[in-house]
Amino acid sequence: IGMLSQLVRLRLFDNNLSGPIPSEIGMLSQLNSLWLLENHLSGLIPSEIGMLHQLKYVNLYDNYLSGPIPSEIGMLSQLVRLRLFDNNLSGPIPSEIGMLSQ
């Protein structure tokens, strides 16, 4: 997936996808829309998501993601919508999210 450097939208919702979100997602430098909702994804939200500086929409809800919300999400200066509900996330909401301006 990391080879798709010109990809702008990744919409793979409601497909019964399973396993972790690959860290290579951070190589999709042009990505502005990430929709992986309503699957069976598990594991951590990769910290590499913070490298996606064009990202505006993140929809990861209704999966089996676990662990903390990565503080690197605070680096997404273009972020307009972040939907993480219906997962198994734990820990505090990172204070870096408060620095988002959109």
Protein backbone atom coordinates (compact mmCIF):
# COMPACT_ATOMS: atom_id res chain seq x y z
CA ILE A 1 0.00 0.00 0.00
CA GLY A 2 2.93 2.33 0.62
CA MET A 3 3.68 2.42 -3.11
CA LEU A 4 0.44 4.33 -3.82
CA SER A 5 2.02 7.72 -3.11
CA GLN A 6 -0.47 9.65 -5.29
CA LEU A 7 -3.56 8.09 -3.71
CA VAL A 8 -5.96 10.79 -2.48
CA ARG A 9 -8.87 8.72 -1.09
CA LEU A 10 -8.83 5.28 0.49
CA ARG A 11 -12.37 4.04 1.06
CA LEU A 12 -12.58 0.39 2.04
CA PHE A 13 -15.54 0.37 4.40
CA ASP A 14 -17.87 -2.54 5.18
CA ASN A 15 -15.64 -5.19 3.60
CA ASN A 16 -14.87 -7.56 6.50
CA LEU A 17 -11.19 -6.59 6.32
CA SER A 18 -9.21 -7.94 9.28
CA GLY A 19 -5.80 -7.53 10.84
CA PRO A 20 -3.87 -4.39 11.67
CA ILE A 21 -3.71 -1.14 9.73
CA PRO A 22 -0.25 -1.32 8.13
CA SER A 23 2.32 1.26 9.24
CA GLU A 24 3.05 1.84 5.54
CA ILE A 25 -0.13 3.92 5.50
CA GLY A 26 2.15 6.78 6.53
CA MET A 27 3.72 6.70 3.06
CA LEU A 28 0.49 7.83 1.37
CA SER A 29 1.59 11.46 1.38
CA GLN A 30 -1.32 12.78 -0.74
CA LEU A 31 -4.08 11.00 1.19
CA ASN A 32 -6.86 13.31 2.35
CA SER A 33 -9.62 10.79 3.11
CA LEU A 34 -9.19 7.53 5.05
CA TRP A 35 -12.36 5.45 5.40
CA LEU A 36 -11.75 2.02 6.91
CA LEU A 37 -14.94 1.89 8.95
CA GLU A 38 -17.19 -1.12 9.57
CA ASN A 39 -14.54 -3.81 9.15
CA HIS A 40 -12.77 -6.18 11.54
CA LEU A 41 -9.51 -4.27 11.80
CA SER A 42 -7.58 -4.86 15.01
CA GLY A 43 -4.43 -3.71 16.75
CA LEU A 44 -3.17 -0.21 17.25
CA ILE A 45 -3.84 2.86 15.16
CA PRO A 46 -0.36 3.29 13.65
CA SER A 47 1.53 6.39 14.80
CA GLU A 48 2.59 6.85 11.16
CA ILE A 49 -0.87 8.30 10.55
CA GLY A 50 0.65 11.55 11.80
CA MET A 51 2.76 11.73 8.63
CA LEU A 52 -0.35 12.25 6.48
CA HIS A 53 -0.33 16.04 6.47
CA GLN A 54 -3.06 16.30 3.79
CA LEU A 55 -5.49 14.13 5.75
CA LYS A 56 -8.88 15.78 6.34
CA TYR A 57 -11.21 12.87 7.08
CA VAL A 58 -10.45 9.83 9.25
CA ASN A 59 -13.23 7.27 9.69
CA LEU A 60 -12.02 4.20 11.58
CA TYR A 61 -15.15 3.50 13.57
CA ASP A 62 -16.86 0.14 14.12
CA ASN A 63 -13.71 -2.01 14.14
CA TYR A 64 -11.71 -3.80 16.84
CA LEU A 65 -8.89 -1.28 17.15
CA SER A 66 -7.26 -1.23 20.58
CA GLY A 67 -4.71 0.67 22.61
CA PRO A 68 -4.28 4.42 22.90
CA ILE A 69 -5.14 7.06 20.35
CA PRO A 70 -1.72 8.05 18.98
CA SER A 71 -0.63 11.56 19.92
CA GLU A 72 0.65 11.96 16.34
CA ILE A 73 -2.95 12.63 15.29
CA GLY A 74 -2.29 16.11 16.65
CA MET A 75 0.07 16.66 13.70
CA LEU A 76 -2.80 16.45 11.20
CA SER A 77 -3.23 20.20 10.69
CA GLN A 78 -5.84 19.74 7.93
CA LEU A 79 -8.03 17.33 9.92
CA VAL A 80 -11.73 18.19 9.82
CA ARG A 81 -13.35 14.93 10.96
CA LEU A 82 -12.05 12.19 13.26
CA ARG A 83 -14.39 9.27 13.96
CA LEU A 84 -13.05 6.48 16.15
CA PHE A 85 -16.15 5.27 18.01
CA ASP A 86 -17.16 1.61 18.45
CA ASN A 87 -13.61 0.30 18.92
CA ASN A 88 -11.68 -1.00 21.94
CA LEU A 89 -9.48 2.06 22.41
CA SER A 90 -8.06 2.79 25.86
CA GLY A 91 -6.21 5.48 27.71
CA PRO A 92 -6.66 9.24 27.70
CA ILE A 93 -7.49 11.41 24.74
CA PRO A 94 -4.13 12.90 23.71
CA SER A 95 -3.77 16.58 24.55
CA GLU A 96 -2.27 17.11 21.08
CA ILE A 97 -5.76 16.76 19.63
CA GLY A 98 -6.55 20.09 21.27
CA MET A 99 -4.01 21.77 18.97
CA LEU A 100 -6.00 20.90 15.84
CA SER A 101 -7.32 24.08 14.29
CA GLN A 102 -9.92 22.84 11.81
